[in-house]
Amino acid sequence: MSTIPAELSYTSEHEWISAADSDGVVSVGITDHAQDSLGDVVYVDLPDSGSTFEANESFGEVESTKSVSDLYMPVAGEIVEVNTELADQPEVLNSDPYGAGWLVRVRPSDPESLKGLLDAKAYEAEIS
């Protein structure tokens, strides 16, 4: 059974997003369900800081021993930080998808858009 932290929001594409911090920035990663389905992650391709994306736009890829999967931006906004540790240690996505395995930090262009994401219960229903 996948872990689904209640304090996060989710997408149907298996990304999670944190609540905004005091600067209005959110963290984005892949869910425990996603990393489990992928298998052993061997490579992560992420955008540069300063890049902007629309909601549901592909912003990178995760490569595993099984497949290559696109990453989709949960909300429109600007990338303010990229988890550069994943370049050397992509396996962190498997061992700690909700902690050290975050992918990018984003400043949403419309903070209200966070309200349209799935809560933990809705995401759990989606993957069951």
N, C-alpha and C. Protein backbone atom coordinates (compact mmCIF):
# COMPACT_ATOMS: atom_id res chain seq x y z
N MET A 1 0.84 -1.19 0.00
CA MET A 1 0.00 0.00 0.00
C MET A 1 0.88 1.25 0.00
N SER A 2 0.58 2.17 -0.88
CA SER A 2 1.37 3.40 -1.01
C SER A 2 1.09 4.36 0.14
N THR A 3 2.12 5.10 0.52
CA THR A 3 1.99 6.15 1.51
C THR A 3 1.43 7.39 0.82
N ILE A 4 0.43 8.03 1.45
CA ILE A 4 -0.19 9.23 0.89
C ILE A 4 -0.34 10.26 2.01
N PRO A 5 0.67 11.11 2.23
CA PRO A 5 0.58 12.09 3.31
C PRO A 5 -0.62 13.03 3.15
N ALA A 6 -1.37 13.21 4.22
CA ALA A 6 -2.60 14.01 4.19
C ALA A 6 -2.33 15.50 3.97
N GLU A 7 -1.14 15.98 4.33
CA GLU A 7 -0.88 17.42 4.24
C GLU A 7 -0.51 17.88 2.83
N LEU A 8 -0.36 16.95 1.89
CA LEU A 8 0.01 17.29 0.51
C LEU A 8 -1.22 17.27 -0.38
N SER A 9 -1.09 17.89 -1.57
CA SER A 9 -2.10 17.80 -2.62
C SER A 9 -1.50 16.96 -3.74
N TYR A 10 -2.36 16.47 -4.63
CA TYR A 10 -1.93 15.49 -5.64
C TYR A 10 -2.56 15.77 -6.99
N THR A 11 -1.96 15.17 -8.03
CA THR A 11 -2.52 15.22 -9.38
C THR A 11 -2.82 13.80 -9.84
N SER A 12 -3.63 13.70 -10.87
CA SER A 12 -3.93 12.40 -11.46
C SER A 12 -2.71 11.79 -12.14
N GLU A 13 -1.71 12.62 -12.41
CA GLU A 13 -0.47 12.15 -13.06
C GLU A 13 0.57 11.71 -12.03
N HIS A 14 0.17 11.65 -10.75
CA HIS A 14 1.00 11.11 -9.66
C HIS A 14 2.12 12.04 -9.19
N GLU A 15 1.88 13.35 -9.31
CA GLU A 15 2.77 14.31 -8.67
C GLU A 15 2.12 14.78 -7.37
N TRP A 16 2.96 15.14 -6.41
CA TRP A 16 2.46 15.76 -5.18
C TRP A 16 2.93 17.20 -5.15
N ILE A 17 2.23 18.02 -4.38
CA ILE A 17 2.59 19.42 -4.23
C ILE A 17 2.33 19.83 -2.79
N SER A 18 3.29 20.53 -2.21
CA SER A 18 3.16 20.96 -0.81
C SER A 18 2.33 22.23 -0.72
N ALA A 19 1.90 22.55 0.48
CA ALA A 19 1.27 23.85 0.73
C ALA A 19 2.34 24.93 0.54
N ALA A 20 1.91 26.11 0.18
CA ALA A 20 2.86 27.21 -0.05
C ALA A 20 3.53 27.63 1.26
N ASP A 21 4.82 27.95 1.16
CA ASP A 21 5.53 28.46 2.33
C ASP A 21 5.26 29.97 2.46
N SER A 22 5.93 30.64 3.37
CA SER A 22 5.67 32.06 3.62
C SER A 22 6.01 32.94 2.42
N ASP A 23 6.83 32.44 1.49
CA ASP A 23 7.17 33.18 0.28
C ASP A 23 6.24 32.82 -0.89
N GLY A 24 5.27 31.95 -0.64
CA GLY A 24 4.36 31.54 -1.70
C GLY A 24 4.90 30.44 -2.59
N VAL A 25 6.00 29.80 -2.18
CA VAL A 25 6.65 28.76 -2.97
C VAL A 25 6.17 27.38 -2.52
N VAL A 26 5.95 26.49 -3.49
CA VAL A 26 5.53 25.11 -3.20
C VAL A 26 6.60 24.15 -3.71
N SER A 27 6.65 22.97 -3.12
CA SER A 27 7.54 21.91 -3.59
C SER A 27 6.71 20.91 -4.39
N VAL A 28 7.34 20.31 -5.40
CA VAL A 28 6.69 19.32 -6.26
C VAL A 28 7.55 18.07 -6.30
N GLY A 29 6.91 16.91 -6.27
CA GLY A 29 7.62 15.64 -6.38
C GLY A 29 6.71 14.58 -6.97
N ILE A 30 7.21 13.35 -7.01
CA ILE A 30 6.36 12.24 -7.46
C ILE A 30 5.92 11.44 -6.24
N THR A 31 4.77 10.82 -6.36
CA THR A 31 4.20 10.10 -5.23
C THR A 31 4.90 8.75 -5.00
N ASP A 32 4.65 8.20 -3.83
CA ASP A 32 5.14 6.87 -3.49
C ASP A 32 4.60 5.85 -4.50
N HIS A 33 3.35 5.99 -4.87
CA HIS A 33 2.74 5.10 -5.87
C HIS A 33 3.51 5.18 -7.20
N ALA A 34 3.85 6.41 -7.62
CA ALA A 34 4.58 6.59 -8.88
C ALA A 34 5.95 5.94 -8.83
N GLN A 35 6.70 6.19 -7.75
CA GLN A 35 8.05 5.63 -7.68
C GLN A 35 8.00 4.11 -7.61
N ASP A 36 6.99 3.57 -6.93
CA ASP A 36 6.84 2.12 -6.84
C ASP A 36 6.53 1.52 -8.21
N SER A 37 5.67 2.19 -8.97
CA SER A 37 5.31 1.72 -10.31
C SER A 37 6.50 1.80 -11.27
N LEU A 38 7.33 2.83 -11.10
CA LEU A 38 8.49 3.01 -11.97
C LEU A 38 9.56 1.94 -11.73
N GLY A 39 9.73 1.53 -10.51
CA GLY A 39 10.86 0.66 -10.17
C GLY A 39 12.07 1.51 -9.86
N ASP A 40 13.25 0.94 -9.99
CA ASP A 40 14.49 1.64 -9.62
C ASP A 40 14.75 2.83 -10.54
N VAL A 41 14.74 4.04 -9.97
CA VAL A 41 15.00 5.26 -10.74
C VAL A 41 16.50 5.38 -10.97
N VAL A 42 16.87 5.62 -12.24
CA VAL A 42 18.29 5.70 -12.60
C VAL A 42 18.70 7.07 -13.14
N TYR A 43 17.72 7.91 -13.51
CA TYR A 43 18.05 9.22 -14.08
C TYR A 43 16.85 10.15 -13.95
N VAL A 44 17.12 11.43 -13.66
CA VAL A 44 16.07 12.44 -13.58
C VAL A 44 16.51 13.63 -14.41
N ASP A 45 15.65 14.08 -15.32
CA ASP A 45 15.91 15.26 -16.16
C ASP A 45 14.97 16.37 -15.71
N LEU A 46 15.54 17.45 -15.14
CA LEU A 46 14.76 18.54 -14.60
C LEU A 46 15.12 19.86 -15.29
N PRO A 47 14.19 20.82 -15.30
CA PRO A 47 14.45 22.11 -15.95
C PRO A 47 15.38 22.99 -15.12
N ASP A 48 15.78 24.10 -15.71
CA ASP A 48 16.61 25.07 -15.01
C ASP A 48 15.75 25.99 -14.15
N SER A 49 16.34 26.50 -13.08
CA SER A 49 15.67 27.54 -12.30
C SER A 49 15.37 28.71 -13.22
N GLY A 50 14.24 29.35 -13.00
CA GLY A 50 13.84 30.47 -13.85
C GLY A 50 12.92 30.07 -14.98
N SER A 51 12.84 28.77 -15.27
CA SER A 51 11.93 28.29 -16.31
C SER A 51 10.49 28.46 -15.84
N THR A 52 9.59 28.73 -16.78
CA THR A 52 8.18 28.84 -16.44
C THR A 52 7.39 27.77 -17.20
N PHE A 53 6.33 27.29 -16.56
CA PHE A 53 5.50 26.24 -17.14
C PHE A 53 4.04 26.52 -16.88
N GLU A 54 3.21 26.01 -17.76
CA GLU A 54 1.77 26.04 -17.57
C GLU A 54 1.37 24.79 -16.78
N ALA A 55 0.20 24.82 -16.16
CA ALA A 55 -0.31 23.64 -15.47
C ALA A 55 -0.46 22.50 -16.47
N ASN A 56 -0.10 21.31 -16.06
CA ASN A 56 -0.17 20.07 -16.85
C ASN A 56 0.85 19.99 -17.97
N GLU A 57 1.77 20.94 -18.05
CA GLU A 57 2.83 20.90 -19.06
C GLU A 57 3.96 20.01 -18.56
N SER A 58 4.54 19.23 -19.47
CA SER A 58 5.67 18.38 -19.10
C SER A 58 6.86 19.27 -18.74
N PHE A 59 7.48 18.98 -17.58
CA PHE A 59 8.63 19.79 -17.15
C PHE A 59 9.89 18.97 -16.95
N GLY A 60 9.85 17.68 -17.26
CA GLY A 60 11.03 16.84 -17.11
C GLY A 60 10.67 15.38 -17.29
N GLU A 61 11.64 14.53 -17.00
CA GLU A 61 11.44 13.08 -17.13
C GLU A 61 12.12 12.34 -15.99
N VAL A 62 11.55 11.18 -15.67
CA VAL A 62 12.17 10.25 -14.73
C VAL A 62 12.39 8.96 -15.50
N GLU A 63 13.63 8.48 -15.48
CA GLU A 63 13.96 7.24 -16.16
C GLU A 63 14.23 6.17 -15.11
N SER A 64 13.62 5.01 -15.31
CA SER A 64 13.83 3.90 -14.39
C SER A 64 14.30 2.69 -15.19
N THR A 65 14.51 1.60 -14.48
CA THR A 65 14.92 0.37 -15.15
C THR A 65 13.77 -0.18 -16.00
N LYS A 66 12.55 0.29 -15.76
CA LYS A 66 11.37 -0.19 -16.50
C LYS A 66 10.95 0.73 -17.64
N SER A 67 11.06 2.06 -17.44
CA SER A 67 10.50 2.98 -18.43
C SER A 67 11.02 4.40 -18.24
N VAL A 68 10.60 5.28 -19.14
CA VAL A 68 10.82 6.72 -19.02
C VAL A 68 9.45 7.35 -18.90
N SER A 69 9.26 8.20 -17.88
CA SER A 69 7.97 8.84 -17.66
C SER A 69 8.13 10.35 -17.61
N ASP A 70 7.18 11.05 -18.24
CA ASP A 70 7.17 12.51 -18.18
C ASP A 70 6.70 12.97 -16.81
N LEU A 71 7.17 14.13 -16.40
CA LEU A 71 6.73 14.80 -15.18
C LEU A 71 5.84 15.95 -15.61
N TYR A 72 4.71 16.15 -14.93
CA TYR A 72 3.76 17.20 -15.31
C TYR A 72 3.61 18.21 -14.20
N MET A 73 3.68 19.50 -14.56
CA MET A 73 3.59 20.58 -13.60
C MET A 73 2.16 20.67 -13.06
N PRO A 74 2.00 20.57 -11.74
CA PRO A 74 0.66 20.63 -11.14
C PRO A 74 -0.02 22.00 -11.28
N VAL A 75 0.77 23.07 -11.27
CA VAL A 75 0.23 24.43 -11.36
C VAL A 75 1.15 25.27 -12.25
N ALA A 76 0.59 26.28 -12.88
CA ALA A 76 1.41 27.21 -13.67
C ALA A 76 2.30 28.00 -12.73
N GLY A 77 3.54 28.25 -13.17
CA GLY A 77 4.42 29.06 -12.35
C GLY A 77 5.87 28.99 -12.79
N GLU A 78 6.72 29.60 -11.97
CA GLU A 78 8.15 29.68 -12.24
C GLU A 78 8.93 28.76 -11.31
N ILE A 79 9.87 28.04 -11.87
CA ILE A 79 10.78 27.19 -11.08
C ILE A 79 11.76 28.12 -10.36
N VAL A 80 11.77 28.04 -9.03
CA VAL A 80 12.69 28.88 -8.27
C VAL A 80 13.86 28.09 -7.71
N GLU A 81 13.74 26.77 -7.70
CA GLU A 81 14.83 25.91 -7.22
C GLU A 81 14.65 24.52 -7.79
N VAL A 82 15.77 23.88 -8.11
CA VAL A 82 15.78 22.51 -8.63
C VAL A 82 16.59 21.65 -7.67
N ASN A 83 16.13 20.45 -7.42
CA ASN A 83 16.85 19.53 -6.54
C ASN A 83 18.03 18.92 -7.31
N THR A 84 19.17 19.60 -7.26
CA THR A 84 20.35 19.18 -8.01
C THR A 84 20.96 17.88 -7.46
N GLU A 85 20.62 17.53 -6.22
CA GLU A 85 21.13 16.28 -5.64
C GLU A 85 20.67 15.06 -6.44
N LEU A 86 19.53 15.18 -7.11
CA LEU A 86 18.99 14.03 -7.86
C LEU A 86 19.83 13.67 -9.08
N ALA A 87 20.66 14.60 -9.56
CA ALA A 87 21.53 14.29 -10.69
C ALA A 87 22.52 13.18 -10.33
N ASP A 88 23.04 13.23 -9.11
CA ASP A 88 24.00 12.23 -8.66
C ASP A 88 23.35 11.08 -7.89
N GLN A 89 22.15 11.32 -7.36
CA GLN A 89 21.49 10.31 -6.54
C GLN A 89 20.00 10.19 -6.92
N PRO A 90 19.69 9.77 -8.15
CA PRO A 90 18.29 9.67 -8.56
C PRO A 90 17.50 8.64 -7.74
N GLU A 91 18.20 7.69 -7.13
CA GLU A 91 17.54 6.65 -6.33
C GLU A 91 16.84 7.21 -5.08
N VAL A 92 17.14 8.47 -4.73
CA VAL A 92 16.46 9.11 -3.59
C VAL A 92 14.95 9.18 -3.86
N LEU A 93 14.57 9.26 -5.14
CA LEU A 93 13.13 9.26 -5.46
C LEU A 93 12.46 7.99 -4.98
N ASN A 94 13.18 6.87 -4.99
CA ASN A 94 12.63 5.61 -4.50
C ASN A 94 12.61 5.55 -2.97
N SER A 95 13.68 6.02 -2.34
CA SER A 95 13.79 5.86 -0.89
C SER A 95 13.07 6.94 -0.09
N ASP A 96 12.91 8.14 -0.66
CA ASP A 96 12.31 9.24 0.10
C ASP A 96 11.54 10.20 -0.82
N PRO A 97 10.47 9.70 -1.47
CA PRO A 97 9.79 10.53 -2.47
C PRO A 97 9.14 11.79 -1.90
N TYR A 98 8.79 11.80 -0.62
CA TYR A 98 8.13 12.97 -0.03
C TYR A 98 9.08 13.87 0.75
N GLY A 99 10.33 13.50 0.85
CA GLY A 99 11.30 14.30 1.61
C GLY A 99 12.42 14.76 0.69
N ALA A 100 13.57 14.12 0.81
CA ALA A 100 14.76 14.51 0.03
C ALA A 100 14.54 14.31 -1.47
N GLY A 101 13.49 13.59 -1.85
CA GLY A 101 13.22 13.33 -3.27
C GLY A 101 12.36 14.38 -3.95
N TRP A 102 12.16 15.54 -3.33
CA TRP A 102 11.43 16.61 -4.04
C TRP A 102 12.15 16.92 -5.34
N LEU A 103 11.41 17.38 -6.34
CA LEU A 103 11.98 17.65 -7.66
C LEU A 103 12.31 19.13 -7.87
N VAL A 104 11.29 19.97 -7.73
CA VAL A 104 11.45 21.41 -7.96
C VAL A 104 10.63 22.19 -6.94
N ARG A 105 11.02 23.45 -6.75
CA ARG A 105 10.22 24.38 -5.95
C ARG A 105 9.70 25.43 -6.95
N VAL A 106 8.41 25.73 -6.83
CA VAL A 106 7.72 26.55 -7.81
C VAL A 106 7.00 27.71 -7.13
N ARG A 107 7.04 28.87 -7.77
CA ARG A 107 6.21 30.00 -7.33
C ARG A 107 5.01 30.03 -8.28
N PRO A 108 3.84 29.57 -7.80
CA PRO A 108 2.66 29.53 -8.67
C PRO A 108 2.26 30.92 -9.15
N SER A 109 1.88 31.01 -10.43
CA SER A 109 1.43 32.30 -10.97
C SER A 109 0.03 32.63 -10.45
N ASP A 110 -0.75 31.62 -10.06
CA ASP A 110 -2.07 31.83 -9.47
C ASP A 110 -2.21 30.91 -8.26
N PRO A 111 -1.92 31.41 -7.06
CA PRO A 111 -1.99 30.57 -5.85
C PRO A 111 -3.36 29.90 -5.67
N GLU A 112 -4.41 30.49 -6.19
CA GLU A 112 -5.75 29.90 -6.07
C GLU A 112 -5.85 28.57 -6.81
N SER A 113 -4.98 28.35 -7.80
CA SER A 113 -5.03 27.11 -8.59
C SER A 113 -4.69 25.88 -7.74
N LEU A 114 -4.05 26.09 -6.59
CA LEU A 114 -3.74 24.97 -5.70
C LEU A 114 -5.01 24.31 -5.18
N LYS A 115 -6.09 25.08 -5.12
CA LYS A 115 -7.35 24.56 -4.60
C LYS A 115 -7.97 23.51 -5.53
N GLY A 116 -7.55 23.47 -6.78
CA GLY A 116 -8.12 22.53 -7.74
C GLY A 116 -7.45 21.15 -7.76
N LEU A 117 -6.48 20.95 -6.88
CA LEU A 117 -5.76 19.68 -6.86
C LEU A 117 -6.49 18.66 -5.98
N LEU A 118 -6.09 17.40 -6.09
CA LEU A 118 -6.70 16.32 -5.31
C LEU A 118 -6.17 16.33 -3.88
N ASP A 119 -7.04 16.05 -2.91
CA ASP A 119 -6.55 15.85 -1.55
C ASP A 119 -6.15 14.38 -1.42
N ALA A 120 -5.60 14.01 -0.28
CA ALA A 120 -5.08 12.65 -0.08
C ALA A 120 -6.17 11.60 -0.30
N LYS A 121 -7.37 11.85 0.19
CA LYS A 121 -8.46 10.89 0.06
C LYS A 121 -8.86 10.67 -1.40
N ALA A 122 -8.95 11.76 -2.14
CA ALA A 122 -9.32 11.68 -3.56
C ALA A 122 -8.22 10.97 -4.36
N TYR A 123 -6.95 11.27 -4.04
CA TYR A 123 -5.84 10.59 -4.73
C TYR A 123 -5.84 9.11 -4.42
N GLU A 124 -6.08 8.76 -3.16
CA GLU A 124 -6.13 7.34 -2.78
C GLU A 124 -7.22 6.62 -3.56
N ALA A 125 -8.38 7.24 -3.70
CA ALA A 125 -9.48 6.65 -4.46
C ALA A 125 -9.08 6.46 -5.93
N GLU A 126 -8.32 7.40 -6.44
CA GLU A 126 -7.89 7.34 -7.84
C GLU A 126 -6.94 6.17 -8.11
N ILE A 127 -6.07 5.87 -7.17
CA ILE A 127 -5.07 4.81 -7.42
C ILE A 127 -5.52 3.43 -6.90
N SER A 128 -6.68 3.36 -6.25
CA SER A 128 -7.17 2.09 -5.72
C SER A 128 -7.80 1.24 -6.81
